[in-house]
Amino acid sequence: MAFSKEDRKRILEVVGQRAPVQASCPVCGHSSWGLVEAPVAFPLQETPGTFALGGRTIPCLVLICHYCGNTLFLNMLSLGLKDLTVAKETPEPEKR
């Protein structure tokens, strides 16, 4: 699920308020970050030694340093962006 233009604007506003992307990269010191076009989800290992497909996950935004490629993951739930982690309903076509 790629972020819409409106979603990206909202995401960047939230990240700018909570964790300014102007911050320097801890690896190279540059301050040019890019937002990946879709979220990632890290699976939770609820039973030791096993991962369940379709189980619970932690949805994250991905920011990448344009200079060195350092990658940051920001928890979407903690940022108040839970609504962007669920599929949007598409209207059904009208029946004639």
PDB file of N, CA and C in Angstrom:
ATOM      1  N   MET A   1       0.842  -1.161   0.000  1.00  0.00           N
ATOM      2  CA  MET A   1       0.000   0.000   0.000  1.00  0.00           C
ATOM      3  C   MET A   1       0.895   1.234   0.000  1.00  0.00           C
ATOM      4  N   ALA A   2       0.958   1.905  -1.111  1.00  0.00           N
ATOM      5  CA  ALA A   2       1.758   3.127  -1.199  1.00  0.00           C
ATOM      6  C   ALA A   2       0.998   4.289  -0.564  1.00  0.00           C
ATOM      7  N   PHE A   3       1.741   5.218   0.007  1.00  0.00           N
ATOM      8  CA  PHE A   3       1.121   6.384   0.601  1.00  0.00           C
ATOM      9  C   PHE A   3       0.625   7.326  -0.489  1.00  0.00           C
ATOM     10  N   SER A   4      -0.548   7.914  -0.271  1.00  0.00           N
ATOM     11  CA  SER A   4      -1.056   8.922  -1.201  1.00  0.00           C
ATOM     12  C   SER A   4      -0.297  10.225  -0.966  1.00  0.00           C
ATOM     13  N   LYS A   5      -0.486  11.181  -1.853  1.00  0.00           N
ATOM     14  CA  LYS A   5       0.155  12.479  -1.709  1.00  0.00           C
ATOM     15  C   LYS A   5      -0.276  13.144  -0.401  1.00  0.00           C
ATOM     16  N   GLU A   6      -1.555  13.025  -0.070  1.00  0.00           N
ATOM     17  CA  GLU A   6      -2.077  13.614   1.171  1.00  0.00           C
ATOM     18  C   GLU A   6      -1.491  12.907   2.394  1.00  0.00           C
ATOM     19  N   ASP A   7      -1.385  11.570   2.319  1.00  0.00           N
ATOM     20  CA  ASP A   7      -0.798  10.802   3.424  1.00  0.00           C
ATOM     21  C   ASP A   7       0.651  11.215   3.654  1.00  0.00           C
ATOM     22  N   ARG A   8       1.423  11.356   2.570  1.00  0.00           N
ATOM     23  CA  ARG A   8       2.827  11.740   2.677  1.00  0.00           C
ATOM     24  C   ARG A   8       2.961  13.108   3.351  1.00  0.00           C
ATOM     25  N   LYS A   9       2.085  14.042   2.962  1.00  0.00           N
ATOM     26  CA  LYS A   9       2.123  15.378   3.556  1.00  0.00           C
ATOM     27  C   LYS A   9       1.867  15.287   5.059  1.00  0.00           C
ATOM     28  N   ARG A  10       0.857  14.533   5.435  1.00  0.00           N
ATOM     29  CA  ARG A  10       0.537  14.365   6.853  1.00  0.00           C
ATOM     30  C   ARG A  10       1.680  13.692   7.609  1.00  0.00           C
ATOM     31  N   ILE A  11       2.251  12.641   7.025  1.00  0.00           N
ATOM     32  CA  ILE A  11       3.361  11.921   7.649  1.00  0.00           C
ATOM     33  C   ILE A  11       4.532  12.862   7.904  1.00  0.00           C
ATOM     34  N   LEU A  12       4.904  13.638   6.895  1.00  0.00           N
ATOM     35  CA  LEU A  12       6.042  14.533   7.037  1.00  0.00           C
ATOM     36  C   LEU A  12       5.777  15.611   8.083  1.00  0.00           C
ATOM     37  N   GLU A  13       4.525  16.062   8.204  1.00  0.00           N
ATOM     38  CA  GLU A  13       4.173  17.036   9.240  1.00  0.00           C
ATOM     39  C   GLU A  13       4.341  16.420  10.629  1.00  0.00           C
ATOM     40  N   VAL A  14       3.831  15.196  10.799  1.00  0.00           N
ATOM     41  CA  VAL A  14       3.934  14.517  12.096  1.00  0.00           C
ATOM     42  C   VAL A  14       5.394  14.252  12.451  1.00  0.00           C
ATOM     43  N   VAL A  15       6.150  13.731  11.508  1.00  0.00           N
ATOM     44  CA  VAL A  15       7.562  13.447  11.769  1.00  0.00           C
ATOM     45  C   VAL A  15       8.306  14.748  12.061  1.00  0.00           C
ATOM     46  N   GLY A  16       7.984  15.804  11.339  1.00  0.00           N
ATOM     47  CA  GLY A  16       8.621  17.097  11.576  1.00  0.00           C
ATOM     48  C   GLY A  16       8.358  17.630  12.968  1.00  0.00           C
ATOM     49  N   GLN A  17       7.175  17.325  13.517  1.00  0.00           N
ATOM     50  CA  GLN A  17       6.832  17.771  14.868  1.00  0.00           C
ATOM     51  C   GLN A  17       7.512  16.904  15.932  1.00  0.00           C
ATOM     52  N   ARG A  18       7.507  15.606  15.725  1.00  0.00           N
ATOM     53  CA  ARG A  18       7.967  14.682  16.769  1.00  0.00           C
ATOM     54  C   ARG A  18       9.438  14.306  16.676  1.00  0.00           C
ATOM     55  N   ALA A  19       9.944  14.216  15.467  1.00  0.00           N
ATOM     56  CA  ALA A  19      11.350  13.820  15.264  1.00  0.00           C
ATOM     57  C   ALA A  19      11.845  14.538  14.020  1.00  0.00           C
ATOM     58  N   PRO A  20      12.232  15.777  14.159  1.00  0.00           N
ATOM     59  CA  PRO A  20      12.598  16.585  12.983  1.00  0.00           C
ATOM     60  C   PRO A  20      13.604  15.885  12.070  1.00  0.00           C
ATOM     61  N   VAL A  21      13.254  15.779  10.794  1.00  0.00           N
ATOM     62  CA  VAL A  21      14.140  15.116   9.834  1.00  0.00           C
ATOM     63  C   VAL A  21      15.332  15.983   9.479  1.00  0.00           C
ATOM     64  N   GLN A  22      15.355  17.230   9.979  1.00  0.00           N
ATOM     65  CA  GLN A  22      16.526  18.069   9.759  1.00  0.00           C
ATOM     66  C   GLN A  22      17.699  17.583  10.610  1.00  0.00           C
ATOM     67  N   ALA A  23      17.419  16.662  11.513  1.00  0.00           N
ATOM     68  CA  ALA A  23      18.475  16.134  12.374  1.00  0.00           C
ATOM     69  C   ALA A  23      19.547  15.463  11.520  1.00  0.00           C
ATOM     70  N   SER A  24      20.771  15.541  11.984  1.00  0.00           N
ATOM     71  CA  SER A  24      21.887  14.935  11.261  1.00  0.00           C
ATOM     72  C   SER A  24      21.833  13.414  11.375  1.00  0.00           C
ATOM     73  N   CYS A  25      22.258  12.757  10.321  1.00  0.00           N
ATOM     74  CA  CYS A  25      22.366  11.304  10.318  1.00  0.00           C
ATOM     75  C   CYS A  25      23.457  10.898  11.311  1.00  0.00           C
ATOM     76  N   PRO A  26      23.179   9.949  12.193  1.00  0.00           N
ATOM     77  CA  PRO A  26      24.197   9.533  13.162  1.00  0.00           C
ATOM     78  C   PRO A  26      25.368   8.783  12.526  1.00  0.00           C
ATOM     79  N   VAL A  27      25.222   8.355  11.279  1.00  0.00           N
ATOM     80  CA  VAL A  27      26.307   7.621  10.614  1.00  0.00           C
ATOM     81  C   VAL A  27      27.247   8.561   9.860  1.00  0.00           C
ATOM     82  N   CYS A  28      26.667   9.480   9.028  1.00  0.00           N
ATOM     83  CA  CYS A  28      27.508  10.312   8.165  1.00  0.00           C
ATOM     84  C   CYS A  28      27.474  11.799   8.489  1.00  0.00           C
ATOM     85  N   GLY A  29      26.488  12.238   9.296  1.00  0.00           N
ATOM     86  CA  GLY A  29      26.406  13.643   9.663  1.00  0.00           C
ATOM     87  C   GLY A  29      25.611  14.517   8.710  1.00  0.00           C
ATOM     88  N   HIS A  30      25.218  13.983   7.561  1.00  0.00           N
ATOM     89  CA  HIS A  30      24.406  14.766   6.625  1.00  0.00           C
ATOM     90  C   HIS A  30      22.968  14.852   7.151  1.00  0.00           C
ATOM     91  N   SER A  31      22.184  15.763   6.579  1.00  0.00           N
ATOM     92  CA  SER A  31      20.812  15.939   7.074  1.00  0.00           C
ATOM     93  C   SER A  31      19.795  15.945   5.933  1.00  0.00           C
ATOM     94  N   SER A  32      19.949  15.038   5.014  1.00  0.00           N
ATOM     95  CA  SER A  32      19.014  14.911   3.905  1.00  0.00           C
ATOM     96  C   SER A  32      18.377  13.521   3.958  1.00  0.00           C
ATOM     97  N   TRP A  33      17.080  13.493   4.316  1.00  0.00           N
ATOM     98  CA  TRP A  33      16.365  12.238   4.508  1.00  0.00           C
ATOM     99  C   TRP A  33      15.239  12.108   3.493  1.00  0.00           C
ATOM    100  N   GLY A  34      14.919  10.873   3.120  1.00  0.00           N
ATOM    101  CA  GLY A  34      13.790  10.604   2.235  1.00  0.00           C
ATOM    102  C   GLY A  34      12.849   9.604   2.874  1.00  0.00           C
ATOM    103  N   LEU A  35      11.567   9.787   2.611  1.00  0.00           N
ATOM    104  CA  LEU A  35      10.535   8.875   3.103  1.00  0.00           C
ATOM    105  C   LEU A  35      10.264   7.818   2.042  1.00  0.00           C
ATOM    106  N   VAL A  36      10.352   6.548   2.412  1.00  0.00           N
ATOM    107  CA  VAL A  36      10.026   5.454   1.482  1.00  0.00           C
ATOM    108  C   VAL A  36       8.526   5.496   1.220  1.00  0.00           C
ATOM    109  N   GLU A  37       8.110   5.139   0.019  1.00  0.00           N
ATOM    110  CA  GLU A  37       6.734   5.340  -0.430  1.00  0.00           C
ATOM    111  C   GLU A  37       5.680   4.452   0.230  1.00  0.00           C
ATOM    112  N   ALA A  38       6.082   3.484   1.021  1.00  0.00           N
ATOM    113  CA  ALA A  38       5.119   2.597   1.681  1.00  0.00           C
ATOM    114  C   ALA A  38       5.682   2.147   3.026  1.00  0.00           C
ATOM    115  N   PRO A  39       4.812   1.741   3.942  1.00  0.00           N
ATOM    116  CA  PRO A  39       5.302   1.291   5.247  1.00  0.00           C
ATOM    117  C   PRO A  39       5.881  -0.122   5.179  1.00  0.00           C
ATOM    118  N   VAL A  40       6.589  -0.482   6.239  1.00  0.00           N
ATOM    119  CA  VAL A  40       7.036  -1.865   6.421  1.00  0.00           C
ATOM    120  C   VAL A  40       6.409  -2.370   7.715  1.00  0.00           C
ATOM    121  N   ALA A  41       6.346  -3.681   7.867  1.00  0.00           N
ATOM    122  CA  ALA A  41       5.782  -4.259   9.085  1.00  0.00           C
ATOM    123  C   ALA A  41       6.728  -5.332   9.606  1.00  0.00           C
ATOM    124  N   PHE A  42       7.133  -5.178  10.851  1.00  0.00           N
ATOM    125  CA  PHE A  42       7.991  -6.165  11.491  1.00  0.00           C
ATOM    126  C   PHE A  42       7.116  -7.154  12.250  1.00  0.00           C
ATOM    127  N   PRO A  43       7.250  -8.455  11.977  1.00  0.00           N
ATOM    128  CA  PRO A  43       6.425  -9.442  12.680  1.00  0.00           C
ATOM    129  C   PRO A  43       6.851  -9.604  14.133  1.00  0.00           C
ATOM    130  N   LEU A  44       5.873  -9.811  14.997  1.00  0.00           N
ATOM    131  CA  LEU A  44       6.159 -10.085  16.404  1.00  0.00           C
ATOM    132  C   LEU A  44       6.287 -11.590  16.599  1.00  0.00           C
ATOM    133  N   GLN A  45       7.276 -11.990  17.325  1.00  0.00           N
ATOM    134  CA  GLN A  45       7.497 -13.406  17.608  1.00  0.00           C
ATOM    135  C   GLN A  45       6.826 -13.711  18.948  1.00  0.00           C
ATOM    136  N   GLU A  46       5.568 -14.137  18.894  1.00  0.00           N
ATOM    137  CA  GLU A  46       4.800 -14.355  20.115  1.00  0.00           C
ATOM    138  C   GLU A  46       5.078 -15.704  20.759  1.00  0.00           C
ATOM    139  N   THR A  47       5.496 -16.665  19.956  1.00  0.00           N
ATOM    140  CA  THR A  47       5.887 -17.978  20.481  1.00  0.00           C
ATOM    141  C   THR A  47       7.369 -18.149  20.191  1.00  0.00           C
ATOM    142  N   PRO A  48       8.195 -18.355  21.219  1.00  0.00           N
ATOM    143  CA  PRO A  48       9.631 -18.486  20.992  1.00  0.00           C
ATOM    144  C   PRO A  48       9.953 -19.527  19.918  1.00  0.00           C
ATOM    145  N   GLY A  49      10.823 -19.125  18.992  1.00  0.00           N
ATOM    146  CA  GLY A  49      11.277 -20.043  17.950  1.00  0.00           C
ATOM    147  C   GLY A  49      10.384 -20.119  16.726  1.00  0.00           C
ATOM    148  N   THR A  50       9.262 -19.397  16.709  1.00  0.00           N
ATOM    149  CA  THR A  50       8.366 -19.461  15.548  1.00  0.00           C
ATOM    150  C   THR A  50       7.866 -18.067  15.178  1.00  0.00           C
ATOM    151  N   PHE A  51       7.605 -17.897  13.906  1.00  0.00           N
ATOM    152  CA  PHE A  51       6.952 -16.696  13.406  1.00  0.00           C
ATOM    153  C   PHE A  51       5.686 -17.138  12.692  1.00  0.00           C
ATOM    154  N   ALA A  52       4.590 -16.483  12.963  1.00  0.00           N
ATOM    155  CA  ALA A  52       3.323 -16.833  12.328  1.00  0.00           C
ATOM    156  C   ALA A  52       3.039 -15.851  11.204  1.00  0.00           C
ATOM    157  N   LEU A  53       2.841 -16.373   9.996  1.00  0.00           N
ATOM    158  CA  LEU A  53       2.438 -15.509   8.891  1.00  0.00           C
ATOM    159  C   LEU A  53       1.044 -14.982   9.177  1.00  0.00           C
ATOM    160  N   GLY A  54       0.856 -13.700   8.976  1.00  0.00           N
ATOM    161  CA  GLY A  54      -0.440 -13.106   9.239  1.00  0.00           C
ATOM    162  C   GLY A  54      -0.643 -12.749  10.700  1.00  0.00           C
ATOM    163  N   GLY A  55       0.402 -12.897  11.501  1.00  0.00           N
ATOM    164  CA  GLY A  55       0.305 -12.555  12.921  1.00  0.00           C
ATOM    165  C   GLY A  55       0.445 -11.056  13.146  1.00  0.00           C
ATOM    166  N   ARG A  56       0.579 -10.690  14.399  1.00  0.00           N
ATOM    167  CA  ARG A  56       0.703  -9.275  14.748  1.00  0.00           C
ATOM    168  C   ARG A  56       2.025  -8.706  14.258  1.00  0.00           C
ATOM    169  N   THR A  57       1.998  -7.422  13.915  1.00  0.00           N
ATOM    170  CA  THR A  57       3.183  -6.746  13.409  1.00  0.00           C
ATOM    171  C   THR A  57       3.312  -5.358  14.025  1.00  0.00           C
ATOM    172  N   ILE A  58       4.474  -4.758  13.844  1.00  0.00           N
ATOM    173  CA  ILE A  58       4.707  -3.367  14.204  1.00  0.00           C
ATOM    174  C   ILE A  58       4.861  -2.600  12.892  1.00  0.00           C
ATOM    175  N   PRO A  59       3.895  -1.741  12.535  1.00  0.00           N
ATOM    176  CA  PRO A  59       3.989  -0.978  11.287  1.00  0.00           C
ATOM    177  C   PRO A  59       4.927   0.220  11.467  1.00  0.00           C
ATOM    178  N   CYS A  60       5.823   0.403  10.505  1.00  0.00           N
ATOM    179  CA  CYS A  60       6.815   1.479  10.606  1.00  0.00           C
ATOM    180  C   CYS A  60       6.947   2.272   9.315  1.00  0.00           C
ATOM    181  N   LEU A  61       7.245   3.564   9.486  1.00  0.00           N
ATOM    182  CA  LEU A  61       7.675   4.413   8.379  1.00  0.00           C
ATOM    183  C   LEU A  61       9.158   4.162   8.187  1.00  0.00           C
ATOM    184  N   VAL A  62       9.630   4.363   6.971  1.00  0.00           N
ATOM    185  CA  VAL A  62      11.047   4.170   6.691  1.00  0.00           C
ATOM    186  C   VAL A  62      11.628   5.482   6.178  1.00  0.00           C
ATOM    187  N   LEU A  63      12.661   5.974   6.870  1.00  0.00           N
ATOM    188  CA  LEU A  63      13.403   7.150   6.431  1.00  0.00           C
ATOM    189  C   LEU A  63      14.810   6.704   6.065  1.00  0.00           C
ATOM    190  N   ILE A  64      15.300   7.176   4.907  1.00  0.00           N
ATOM    191  CA  ILE A  64      16.632   6.785   4.441  1.00  0.00           C
ATOM    192  C   ILE A  64      17.475   8.035   4.206  1.00  0.00           C
ATOM    193  N   CYS A  65      18.689   8.023   4.735  1.00  0.00           N
ATOM    194  CA  CYS A  65      19.635   9.113   4.499  1.00  0.00           C
ATOM    195  C   CYS A  65      20.023   9.078   3.020  1.00  0.00           C
ATOM    196  N   HIS A  66      19.867  10.220   2.341  1.00  0.00           N
ATOM    197  CA  HIS A  66      20.201  10.284   0.915  1.00  0.00           C
ATOM    198  C   HIS A  66      21.698  10.145   0.656  1.00  0.00           C
ATOM    199  N   TYR A  67      22.525  10.409   1.653  1.00  0.00           N
ATOM    200  CA  TYR A  67      23.970  10.367   1.438  1.00  0.00           C
ATOM    201  C   TYR A  67      24.557   8.981   1.658  1.00  0.00           C
ATOM    202  N   CYS A  68      24.283   8.379   2.832  1.00  0.00           N
ATOM    203  CA  CYS A  68      24.948   7.108   3.147  1.00  0.00           C
ATOM    204  C   CYS A  68      24.011   5.898   3.151  1.00  0.00           C
ATOM    205  N   GLY A  69      22.706   6.144   3.107  1.00  0.00           N
ATOM    206  CA  GLY A  69      21.770   5.025   3.086  1.00  0.00           C
ATOM    207  C   GLY A  69      21.343   4.531   4.453  1.00  0.00           C
ATOM    208  N   ASN A  70      21.828   5.175   5.523  1.00  0.00           N
ATOM    209  CA  ASN A  70      21.371   4.782   6.854  1.00  0.00           C
ATOM    210  C   ASN A  70      19.848   4.789   6.864  1.00  0.00           C
ATOM    211  N   THR A  71      19.260   3.778   7.472  1.00  0.00           N
ATOM    212  CA  THR A  71      17.812   3.612   7.440  1.00  0.00           C
ATOM    213  C   THR A  71      17.238   3.652   8.851  1.00  0.00           C
ATOM    214  N   LEU A  72      16.212   4.501   9.018  1.00  0.00           N
ATOM    215  CA  LEU A  72      15.522   4.625  10.295  1.00  0.00           C
ATOM    216  C   LEU A  72      14.101   4.096  10.160  1.00  0.00           C
ATOM    217  N   PHE A  73      13.613   3.434  11.191  1.00  0.00           N
ATOM    218  CA  PHE A  73      12.248   2.932  11.228  1.00  0.00           C
ATOM    219  C   PHE A  73      11.516   3.637  12.364  1.00  0.00           C
ATOM    220  N   LEU A  74      10.392   4.281  12.057  1.00  0.00           N
ATOM    221  CA  LEU A  74       9.600   4.988  13.058  1.00  0.00           C
ATOM    222  C   LEU A  74       8.242   4.301  13.192  1.00  0.00           C
ATOM    223  N   ASN A  75       7.885   3.956  14.413  1.00  0.00           N
ATOM    224  CA  ASN A  75       6.643   3.240  14.694  1.00  0.00           C
ATOM    225  C   ASN A  75       5.436   4.126  14.378  1.00  0.00           C
ATOM    226  N   MET A  76       4.608   3.685  13.443  1.00  0.00           N
ATOM    227  CA  MET A  76       3.448   4.470  13.024  1.00  0.00           C
ATOM    228  C   MET A  76       2.402   4.588  14.124  1.00  0.00           C
ATOM    229  N   LEU A  77       2.294   3.579  14.975  1.00  0.00           N
ATOM    230  CA  LEU A  77       1.313   3.630  16.062  1.00  0.00           C
ATOM    231  C   LEU A  77       1.715   4.697  17.071  1.00  0.00           C
ATOM    232  N   SER A  78       2.997   4.761  17.409  1.00  0.00           N
ATOM    233  CA  SER A  78       3.493   5.753  18.355  1.00  0.00           C
ATOM    234  C   SER A  78       3.360   7.175  17.814  1.00  0.00           C
ATOM    235  N   LEU A  79       3.410   7.310  16.496  1.00  0.00           N
ATOM    236  CA  LEU A  79       3.287   8.624  15.872  1.00  0.00           C
ATOM    237  C   LEU A  79       1.828   9.050  15.678  1.00  0.00           C
ATOM    238  N   GLY A  80       0.888   8.183  16.057  1.00  0.00           N
ATOM    239  CA  GLY A  80      -0.526   8.516  15.880  1.00  0.00           C
ATOM    240  C   GLY A  80      -1.022   8.345  14.456  1.00  0.00           C
ATOM    241  N   LEU A  81      -0.374   7.472  13.705  1.00  0.00           N
ATOM    242  CA  LEU A  81      -0.731   7.257  12.299  1.00  0.00           C
ATOM    243  C   LEU A  81      -1.355   5.882  12.062  1.00  0.00           C
ATOM    244  N   LYS A  82      -2.029   5.363  13.078  1.00  0.00           N
ATOM    245  CA  LYS A  82      -2.617   4.025  12.983  1.00  0.00           C
ATOM    246  C   LYS A  82      -3.578   3.906  11.795  1.00  0.00           C
ATOM    247  N   ASP A  83      -4.320   4.975  11.512  1.00  0.00           N
ATOM    248  CA  ASP A  83      -5.293   4.923  10.418  1.00  0.00           C
ATOM    249  C   ASP A  83      -4.632   4.660   9.062  1.00  0.00           C
ATOM    250  N   LEU A  84      -3.350   4.960   8.933  1.00  0.00           N
ATOM    251  CA  LEU A  84      -2.649   4.709   7.669  1.00  0.00           C
ATOM    252  C   LEU A  84      -2.142   3.282   7.553  1.00  0.00           C
ATOM    253  N   THR A  85      -2.374   2.477   8.590  1.00  0.00           N
ATOM    254  CA  THR A  85      -1.893   1.092   8.573  1.00  0.00           C
ATOM    255  C   THR A  85      -2.967   0.111   8.134  1.00  0.00           C
ATOM    256  N   VAL A  86      -4.180   0.588   7.922  1.00  0.00           N
ATOM    257  CA  VAL A  86      -5.270  -0.283   7.493  1.00  0.00           C
ATOM    258  C   VAL A  86      -5.679   0.084   6.073  1.00  0.00           C
ATOM    259  N   ALA A  87      -6.123  -0.915   5.335  1.00  0.00           N
ATOM    260  CA  ALA A  87      -6.523  -0.699   3.951  1.00  0.00           C
ATOM    261  C   ALA A  87      -7.740   0.219   3.893  1.00  0.00           C
ATOM    262  N   LYS A  88      -7.691   1.143   2.949  1.00  0.00           N
ATOM    263  CA  LYS A  88      -8.832   2.031   2.751  1.00  0.00           C
ATOM    264  C   LYS A  88      -9.883   1.301   1.927  1.00  0.00           C
ATOM    265  N   GLU A  89     -11.124   1.495   2.325  1.00  0.00           N
ATOM    266  CA  GLU A  89     -12.201   0.852   1.578  1.00  0.00           C
ATOM    267  C   GLU A  89     -12.385   1.561   0.251  1.00  0.00           C
ATOM    268  N   THR A  90     -12.574   0.764  -0.784  1.00  0.00           N
ATOM    269  CA  THR A  90     -12.866   1.340  -2.092  1.00  0.00           C
ATOM    270  C   THR A  90     -14.365   1.206  -2.336  1.00  0.00           C
ATOM    271  N   PRO A  91     -14.980   2.272  -2.819  1.00  0.00           N
ATOM    272  CA  PRO A  91     -16.418   2.198  -3.045  1.00  0.00           C
ATOM    273  C   PRO A  91     -16.760   1.173  -4.115  1.00  0.00           C
ATOM    274  N   GLU A  92     -17.852   0.457  -3.894  1.00  0.00           N
ATOM    275  CA  GLU A  92     -18.290  -0.515  -4.883  1.00  0.00           C
ATOM    276  C   GLU A  92     -18.933   0.229  -6.051  1.00  0.00           C
ATOM    277  N   PRO A  93     -18.773  -0.286  -7.268  1.00  0.00           N
ATOM    278  CA  PRO A  93     -19.402   0.371  -8.415  1.00  0.00           C
ATOM    279  C   PRO A  93     -20.927   0.296  -8.285  1.00  0.00           C
ATOM    280  N   GLU A  94     -21.555   1.338  -8.781  1.00  0.00           N
ATOM    281  CA  GLU A  94     -23.017   1.371  -8.722  1.00  0.00           C
ATOM    282  C   GLU A  94     -23.602   0.306  -9.630  1.00  0.00           C
ATOM    283  N   LYS A  95     -24.676  -0.349  -9.139  1.00  0.00           N
ATOM    284  CA  LYS A  95     -25.368  -1.350  -9.947  1.00  0.00           C
ATOM    285  C   LYS A  95     -26.490  -0.668 -10.702  1.00  0.00           C
ATOM    286  N   ARG A  96     -26.668  -1.045 -11.916  1.00  0.00           N
ATOM    287  CA  ARG A  96     -27.722  -0.435 -12.743  1.00  0.00           C
ATOM    288  C   ARG A  96     -28.851  -1.398 -12.927  1.00  0.00           C
TER     289      ARG A  96
END
